[in-house]
C-alpha cells in the first residue's frame, strides 16, 4: 500500500516545526513548502502569489495539507484543500490567537492578517493546539472551528542521569528587537541578576548589535550569547542550575521543558501556558525581582534531587517526542476530508 502525501507548510524551521516534520516522515511522503515571512505587505503578497500558483497546479498531488500557524501562509492552503476534498491541518502555535495592541503583537492586531487567520481556522479540517491556554483562546475566538489539543514536545535523552550543576541562571530566547526583549521578560531577568551577584546569569539568543542600547548598564554577572544552533543549547542546559522564563505571554515554553529535561530548576511567570509546563505553583513567580531573587536563594538550599527527578518525569510523561508522535499520527488517521 502506497504512503499518503503531505504538503508541509511552515515559515521558520524551528525545533518544534522540525519535530512535526520528522514525525510525519515516519508514515507519509512529505513535501516542504517554505512561506518566507517578509516585512511589508508587498513582499508578503508576493509570497502569497507564489504559493497560490503552486497550489493551483500541485494541490492534486497531496492527500493532506499540514500548516504550522494560522496566518497569511495558511489561508490558501486550507481553502484549496477544502475545495478539492483534501484534509487540512493547522497547528495553532500561539501568535495566531493573540492581540496585544500595546506591543503590536499577535495576528489579530492587523484586521487584514486577522481575516486570513480566522478564516484559515474556520476552513481547516482540524486545528491542533499546543497547550490548554492556546486551546481556550481558540475556543473563544472561533468556537465552531474543530480543534484538538496535542502538546508540543521536546526530545529527551533516555537513560541519561541528571548532571551536576553550577551556580548559573539561564534564559534562552531569539531576541532581535525591543518588543521581543520586553515580551520575553529580559528586563526583569537583568534586574534579578542585580539582586544576586553571587550567581552568573546567562542570556542566549541575543542580537547584541540591534539591542546594545538596552544593555549599556547590565551588571557584571550577566553573560550574553548570540543565537546559536539548537543542539548547542544542550551544553548550557547541562551547566545551569536554574532556568528562568519571565515572558508576558508564552504559548507553550519549549525552552522551559528542554531545560527541565536537563535537570534545571524552572522559574516562570504566569504568562500563558508556562504554568502548564512546570505543574507546581512553587515554580511560578510574581514579576518582582526582589521576590524572585529570594526564591532562587531558597530553592538553591531546599530543592532536592527528588524534586529534580519529579520535574524530569513530568516532562517525560507529558511533553516527550514519542507522546506527540503517537497522538499526532493517531489524530491524522481519524480525519476525513
Protein backbone atom coordinates (compact mmCIF):
# COMPACT_ATOMS: atom_id res chain seq x y z
CA UNK A 1 0.00 0.00 0.00
CA UNK A 2 1.47 3.34 -1.06
CA UNK A 3 2.05 6.03 1.53
CA UNK A 4 -0.10 9.14 1.51
CA UNK A 5 1.46 12.50 0.68
CA UNK A 6 1.62 15.56 2.92
CA UNK A 7 2.32 19.15 1.88
CA UNK A 8 4.12 20.59 4.91
CA UNK A 9 3.99 24.41 5.05
CA UNK A 10 6.00 26.48 7.51
CA UNK A 11 7.62 29.88 7.95
CA UNK A 12 10.64 29.07 10.16
CA UNK A 13 12.10 25.58 10.56
CA UNK A 14 12.29 25.87 14.34
CA UNK A 15 12.83 22.90 16.67
CA UNK A 16 9.11 22.26 17.19
CA UNK A 17 8.35 22.54 13.46
CA UNK A 18 11.22 20.16 12.74
CA UNK A 19 9.80 17.68 15.28
CA UNK A 20 6.48 17.50 13.40
CA UNK A 21 8.29 17.15 10.08
CA UNK A 22 10.23 14.19 11.49
CA UNK A 23 7.05 12.64 12.90
CA UNK A 24 5.17 12.92 9.59
CA UNK A 25 8.08 11.45 7.65
CA UNK A 26 7.71 8.16 9.53
CA UNK A 27 4.37 7.39 7.84
CA UNK A 28 3.92 9.86 4.97
CA UNK A 29 5.72 11.21 1.93
CA UNK A 30 6.35 14.80 2.97
CA UNK A 31 6.99 17.76 0.69
CA UNK A 32 8.12 21.01 2.36
CA UNK A 33 6.90 24.40 1.19
CA UNK A 34 8.56 27.33 2.94
CA UNK A 35 6.46 30.51 3.12
CA UNK A 36 9.19 33.05 3.78
CA UNK A 37 7.91 35.86 6.00
CA UNK A 38 8.88 39.36 4.93
CA UNK A 39 8.33 42.84 6.30
CA UNK A 40 5.90 44.88 4.24
CA UNK A 41 2.62 43.91 2.59
CA UNK A 42 4.03 43.95 -0.93
CA UNK A 43 6.65 41.28 -0.11
CA UNK A 44 4.12 39.26 1.88
CA UNK A 45 1.65 39.27 -1.00
CA UNK A 46 4.41 38.21 -3.38
CA UNK A 47 4.82 35.12 -1.18
CA UNK A 48 1.04 34.59 -1.21
CA UNK A 49 1.00 34.95 -5.02
CA UNK A 50 3.76 32.34 -5.43
CA UNK A 51 2.01 29.98 -3.01
CA UNK A 52 -1.34 30.41 -4.80
CA UNK A 53 0.05 29.33 -8.15
CA UNK A 54 1.97 26.43 -6.64
CA UNK A 55 -1.27 25.17 -5.07
CA UNK A 56 -3.26 25.77 -8.25
CA UNK A 57 -1.06 23.37 -10.22
CA UNK A 58 0.05 20.95 -7.47
CA UNK A 59 -2.69 20.51 -4.85
CA UNK A 60 -3.84 17.30 -6.58
CA UNK A 61 -0.55 15.61 -5.60
CA UNK A 62 -1.30 15.69 -1.87
CA UNK A 63 -3.70 13.95 0.48
CA UNK A 64 -3.07 16.23 3.47
CA UNK A 65 -2.08 19.87 3.81
CA UNK A 66 -0.29 20.49 7.13
CA UNK A 67 0.47 24.10 8.13
CA UNK A 68 2.35 25.47 11.12
CA UNK A 69 0.49 28.59 12.36
CA UNK A 70 -2.71 30.17 11.11
CA UNK A 71 -1.61 33.27 9.22
CA UNK A 72 -1.22 34.64 5.72
CA UNK A 73 0.58 31.39 4.91
CA UNK A 74 -2.35 29.11 5.81
CA UNK A 75 -5.36 30.71 4.10
CA UNK A 76 -4.96 29.47 0.53
CA UNK A 77 -3.60 26.02 1.51
CA UNK A 78 -6.68 25.23 3.62
CA UNK A 79 -9.03 26.86 1.09
CA UNK A 80 -7.59 24.77 -1.78
CA UNK A 81 -7.80 21.67 0.42
CA UNK A 82 -11.45 22.38 1.20
CA UNK A 83 -12.36 22.98 -2.45
CA UNK A 84 -10.61 19.81 -3.63
CA UNK A 85 -11.74 17.49 -0.83
CA UNK A 86 -8.34 17.20 0.84
CA UNK A 87 -7.59 17.11 4.57
CA UNK A 88 -6.09 20.26 6.06
CA UNK A 89 -4.40 20.63 9.45
CA UNK A 90 -3.22 23.81 11.12
CA UNK A 91 -1.04 23.81 14.22
CA UNK A 92 -2.15 26.80 16.32
CA UNK A 93 1.08 27.90 17.95
CA UNK A 94 0.10 30.99 19.95
CA UNK A 95 0.85 34.10 17.90
CA UNK A 96 -2.21 33.23 15.81
CA UNK A 97 -4.61 33.62 18.76
CA UNK A 98 -3.14 36.86 20.14
CA UNK A 99 -3.89 40.56 20.01
CA UNK A 100 -1.71 42.69 22.28
CA UNK A 101 -2.17 46.22 20.99
CA UNK A 102 0.32 47.75 23.42
CA UNK A 103 3.23 45.84 21.87
CA UNK A 104 1.69 45.29 18.42
CA UNK A 105 1.92 41.54 18.96
CA UNK A 106 -0.35 38.88 17.52
CA UNK A 107 -2.12 38.02 14.28
CA UNK A 108 -5.27 39.93 15.25
CA UNK A 109 -3.52 43.30 15.71
CA UNK A 110 -3.96 43.70 11.94
CA UNK A 111 -7.51 43.38 10.55
CA UNK A 112 -6.20 42.01 7.26
CA UNK A 113 -3.95 39.45 8.94
CA UNK A 114 -6.79 38.62 11.30
CA UNK A 115 -9.05 37.91 8.31
CA UNK A 116 -6.57 35.40 6.86
CA UNK A 117 -6.06 33.85 10.28
CA UNK A 118 -9.68 33.42 11.41
CA UNK A 119 -10.82 32.05 8.06
CA UNK A 120 -7.91 29.62 7.97
CA UNK A 121 -9.13 28.26 11.30
CA UNK A 122 -12.71 28.01 10.02
CA UNK A 123 -11.83 26.31 6.73
CA UNK A 124 -9.35 23.77 8.11
CA UNK A 125 -10.37 20.19 8.78
CA UNK A 126 -8.83 20.48 12.25
CA UNK A 127 -6.78 22.92 14.33
CA UNK A 128 -4.17 21.35 16.62
CA UNK A 129 -3.49 23.49 19.69
CA UNK A 130 -0.17 23.20 21.56
CA UNK A 131 -1.42 23.93 25.12
CA UNK A 132 -4.58 24.33 27.18
CA UNK A 133 -4.00 28.09 27.16
CA UNK A 134 -3.97 28.22 23.35
CA UNK A 135 -6.92 25.81 23.18
CA UNK A 136 -9.04 28.12 25.37
CA UNK A 137 -8.15 31.12 23.24
CA UNK A 138 -9.06 29.34 20.02
CA UNK A 139 -12.38 28.23 21.50
CA UNK A 140 -13.14 31.86 22.37
CA UNK A 141 -12.02 33.29 19.02
CA UNK A 142 -13.57 30.66 16.75
CA UNK A 143 -15.93 28.43 18.76
CA UNK A 144 -17.19 26.49 15.73
CA UNK A 145 -13.72 25.58 14.45
CA UNK A 146 -12.77 21.97 15.08
CA UNK A 147 -9.81 21.70 17.42
CA UNK A 148 -7.74 19.15 19.29
CA UNK A 149 -5.11 19.68 21.98
CA UNK A 150 -1.79 17.94 21.40
CA UNK A 151 1.04 19.38 23.47
CA UNK A 152 4.27 20.49 21.87
CA UNK A 153 7.25 18.27 22.59
CA UNK A 154 10.94 18.15 23.38
CA UNK A 155 13.50 15.42 22.74
CA UNK A 156 14.56 13.74 25.97
CA UNK A 157 17.65 11.54 26.15
CA UNK A 158 16.52 8.30 27.74
CA UNK A 159 18.57 6.72 30.49
CA UNK A 160 20.77 9.78 30.98
CA UNK A 161 21.41 10.84 34.58
CA UNK A 162 20.72 14.43 35.58
CA UNK A 163 24.01 16.39 35.55
CA UNK A 164 25.67 18.22 38.44
CA UNK A 165 25.02 21.95 38.30
CA UNK A 166 26.89 25.25 38.56
CA UNK A 167 25.58 28.49 40.07
CA UNK A 168 24.22 29.65 36.74
CA UNK A 169 20.81 31.07 35.87
CA UNK A 170 19.86 30.69 32.21
CA UNK A 171 17.28 32.10 29.83
CA UNK A 172 17.00 31.41 26.09
CA UNK A 173 15.09 33.44 23.51
CA UNK A 174 15.55 34.76 19.99
CA UNK A 175 15.93 38.46 20.73
CA UNK A 176 16.37 40.81 17.79
CA UNK A 177 14.03 43.71 18.63
CA UNK A 178 12.81 45.72 21.61
CA UNK A 179 9.32 44.23 21.52
CA UNK A 180 10.61 40.68 21.96
CA UNK A 181 13.13 41.85 24.58
CA UNK A 182 10.29 43.02 26.84
CA UNK A 183 7.79 40.31 25.88
CA UNK A 184 10.32 37.68 26.95
CA UNK A 185 10.95 39.50 30.23
CA UNK A 186 14.66 40.10 29.68
CA UNK A 187 14.40 43.42 31.53
CA UNK A 188 13.17 41.53 34.61
CA UNK A 189 15.88 38.88 34.17
CA UNK A 190 18.51 41.64 34.28
CA UNK A 191 17.01 43.13 37.45
CA UNK A 192 17.08 39.72 39.14
CA UNK A 193 20.78 39.45 38.22
CA UNK A 194 21.40 42.69 40.14
CA UNK A 195 19.83 41.06 43.20
CA UNK A 196 22.15 38.03 43.08
CA UNK A 197 25.76 38.97 42.26
CA UNK A 198 26.90 35.53 43.54
CA UNK A 199 25.21 33.86 40.54
CA UNK A 200 26.16 34.01 36.89
CA UNK A 201 23.20 34.93 34.65
CA UNK A 202 23.30 33.85 31.03
CA UNK A 203 21.18 35.11 28.11
CA UNK A 204 21.35 33.05 24.91
CA UNK A 205 19.88 34.28 21.62
CA UNK A 206 20.60 37.99 21.93
CA UNK A 207 21.27 40.09 18.84
CA UNK A 208 23.69 42.47 20.51
CA UNK A 209 24.11 44.80 17.54
CA UNK A 210 20.35 45.56 17.49
CA UNK A 211 19.85 45.71 21.27
CA UNK A 212 23.12 47.13 22.57
CA UNK A 213 21.34 50.33 23.66
CA UNK A 214 19.35 48.26 26.18
CA UNK A 215 22.46 46.58 27.58
CA UNK A 216 24.70 49.52 28.42
CA UNK A 217 24.35 49.21 32.19
CA UNK A 218 23.85 45.49 32.73
CA UNK A 219 25.61 44.06 35.82
CA UNK A 220 28.95 42.26 35.51
CA UNK A 221 27.44 38.86 36.39
CA UNK A 222 25.47 38.70 33.13
CA UNK A 223 26.93 36.82 30.19
CA UNK A 224 25.31 37.20 26.76
CA UNK A 225 25.47 34.97 23.69
CA UNK A 226 24.19 35.43 20.17
CA UNK A 227 21.71 32.96 18.67
CA UNK A 228 23.30 29.52 18.30
CA UNK A 229 22.25 26.25 16.60
CA UNK A 230 19.61 24.47 18.66
CA UNK A 231 21.74 21.42 19.50
CA UNK A 232 24.40 23.68 21.07
CA UNK A 233 21.92 24.74 23.76
CA UNK A 234 22.44 21.38 25.47
CA UNK A 235 25.77 22.46 26.97
CA UNK A 236 24.06 25.49 28.57
CA UNK A 237 21.19 23.39 29.91
CA UNK A 238 23.65 20.88 31.38
CA UNK A 239 25.52 23.53 33.41
CA UNK A 240 22.74 25.85 34.58
CA UNK A 241 21.12 25.25 37.96
CA UNK A 242 18.12 27.49 37.18
CA UNK A 243 16.19 28.24 34.03
CA UNK A 244 14.03 31.38 34.00
CA UNK A 245 11.23 32.30 31.61
CA UNK A 246 9.73 35.64 32.61
CA UNK A 247 7.62 36.08 29.45
CA UNK A 248 4.48 38.21 29.40
CA UNK A 249 2.98 35.54 27.13
CA UNK A 250 4.12 32.07 26.11
CA UNK A 251 2.02 29.66 24.08
CA UNK A 252 3.96 26.62 25.29
CA UNK A 253 7.51 27.08 26.59
CA UNK A 254 9.84 24.75 24.69
CA UNK A 255 12.91 26.21 26.40
CA UNK A 256 11.44 25.56 29.86
CA UNK A 257 10.61 21.94 29.03
CA UNK A 258 14.04 21.35 27.50
CA UNK A 259 15.82 22.88 30.49
CA UNK A 260 13.83 20.77 32.96
CA UNK A 261 14.72 17.64 30.99
CA UNK A 262 18.36 18.50 31.72
CA UNK A 263 17.69 18.94 35.44
CA UNK A 264 17.34 22.73 35.64
CA UNK A 265 15.09 24.24 38.32
CA UNK A 266 12.46 26.33 36.49
CA UNK A 267 11.12 29.71 37.49
CA UNK A 268 8.34 31.07 35.28
CA UNK A 269 5.77 33.82 35.26
CA UNK A 270 2.05 33.15 35.00
CA UNK A 271 2.29 34.00 31.29
CA UNK A 272 0.14 31.87 29.02
CA UNK A 273 0.98 28.15 29.14
CA UNK A 274 4.08 28.35 31.34
CA UNK A 275 2.29 27.08 34.50
CA UNK A 276 1.16 24.03 32.49
CA UNK A 277 4.79 23.09 31.89
CA UNK A 278 6.09 23.34 35.46
CA UNK A 279 2.92 21.98 37.09
CA UNK A 280 3.67 23.26 40.60
CA UNK A 281 2.95 26.73 41.98
CA UNK A 282 6.30 26.89 43.80
CA UNK A 283 7.97 27.45 40.42
CA UNK A 284 5.63 30.30 39.39
CA UNK A 285 6.83 33.81 40.30
CA UNK A 286 5.43 37.32 40.51
CA UNK A 287 7.07 39.95 38.35
CA UNK A 288 9.18 41.30 41.22
CA UNK A 289 12.97 41.00 41.06
CA UNK A 290 13.45 41.03 44.85
CA UNK A 291 10.90 38.24 45.41
CA UNK A 292 12.40 36.18 42.58
CA UNK A 293 15.91 36.64 43.96
CA UNK A 294 14.78 35.33 47.35
CA UNK A 295 13.10 32.35 45.69
CA UNK A 296 16.29 31.43 43.85
CA UNK A 297 18.28 31.51 47.09
CA UNK A 298 15.64 29.43 48.87
CA UNK A 299 15.37 26.85 46.09
CA UNK A 300 19.14 26.52 45.90
CA UNK A 301 19.11 25.37 49.52
CA UNK A 302 15.89 23.36 49.66
CA UNK A 303 15.40 21.91 46.19
CA UNK A 304 16.24 18.20 46.34
CA UNK A 305 17.37 15.57 43.88
CA UNK A 306 13.90 14.06 44.21
CA UNK A 307 12.33 17.41 43.21
CA UNK A 308 14.50 17.47 40.09
CA UNK A 309 13.52 13.92 39.25
CA UNK A 310 9.80 14.67 39.68
CA UNK A 311 10.10 17.60 37.26
CA UNK A 312 12.03 15.48 34.77
CA UNK A 313 9.40 12.73 34.97
CA UNK A 314 6.64 15.28 34.39
CA UNK A 315 8.29 16.43 31.15
CA UNK A 316 8.86 12.84 30.04
CA UNK A 317 5.26 11.82 30.78
CA UNK A 318 3.58 14.82 29.14
CA UNK A 319 5.80 16.52 26.59
CA UNK A 320 8.08 13.92 25.04
CA UNK A 321 8.62 13.46 21.31
CA UNK A 322 7.19 9.94 21.49
CA UNK A 323 3.91 11.16 23.05
CA UNK A 324 3.40 13.87 20.42
CA UNK A 325 4.26 11.38 17.68
CA UNK A 326 1.67 8.88 18.88
CA UNK A 327 -1.08 11.48 19.36
CA UNK A 328 -0.37 13.38 16.13
CA UNK A 329 -0.33 10.31 13.90
CA UNK A 330 -3.46 8.97 15.59
CA UNK A 331 -5.28 12.29 15.07
CA UNK A 332 -4.41 12.32 11.36
CA UNK A 333 -5.64 8.76 10.84
CA UNK A 334 -9.03 9.70 12.35
CA UNK A 335 -9.57 12.62 9.95
CA UNK A 336 -11.87 12.57 6.97
CA UNK A 337 -11.96 15.29 4.35
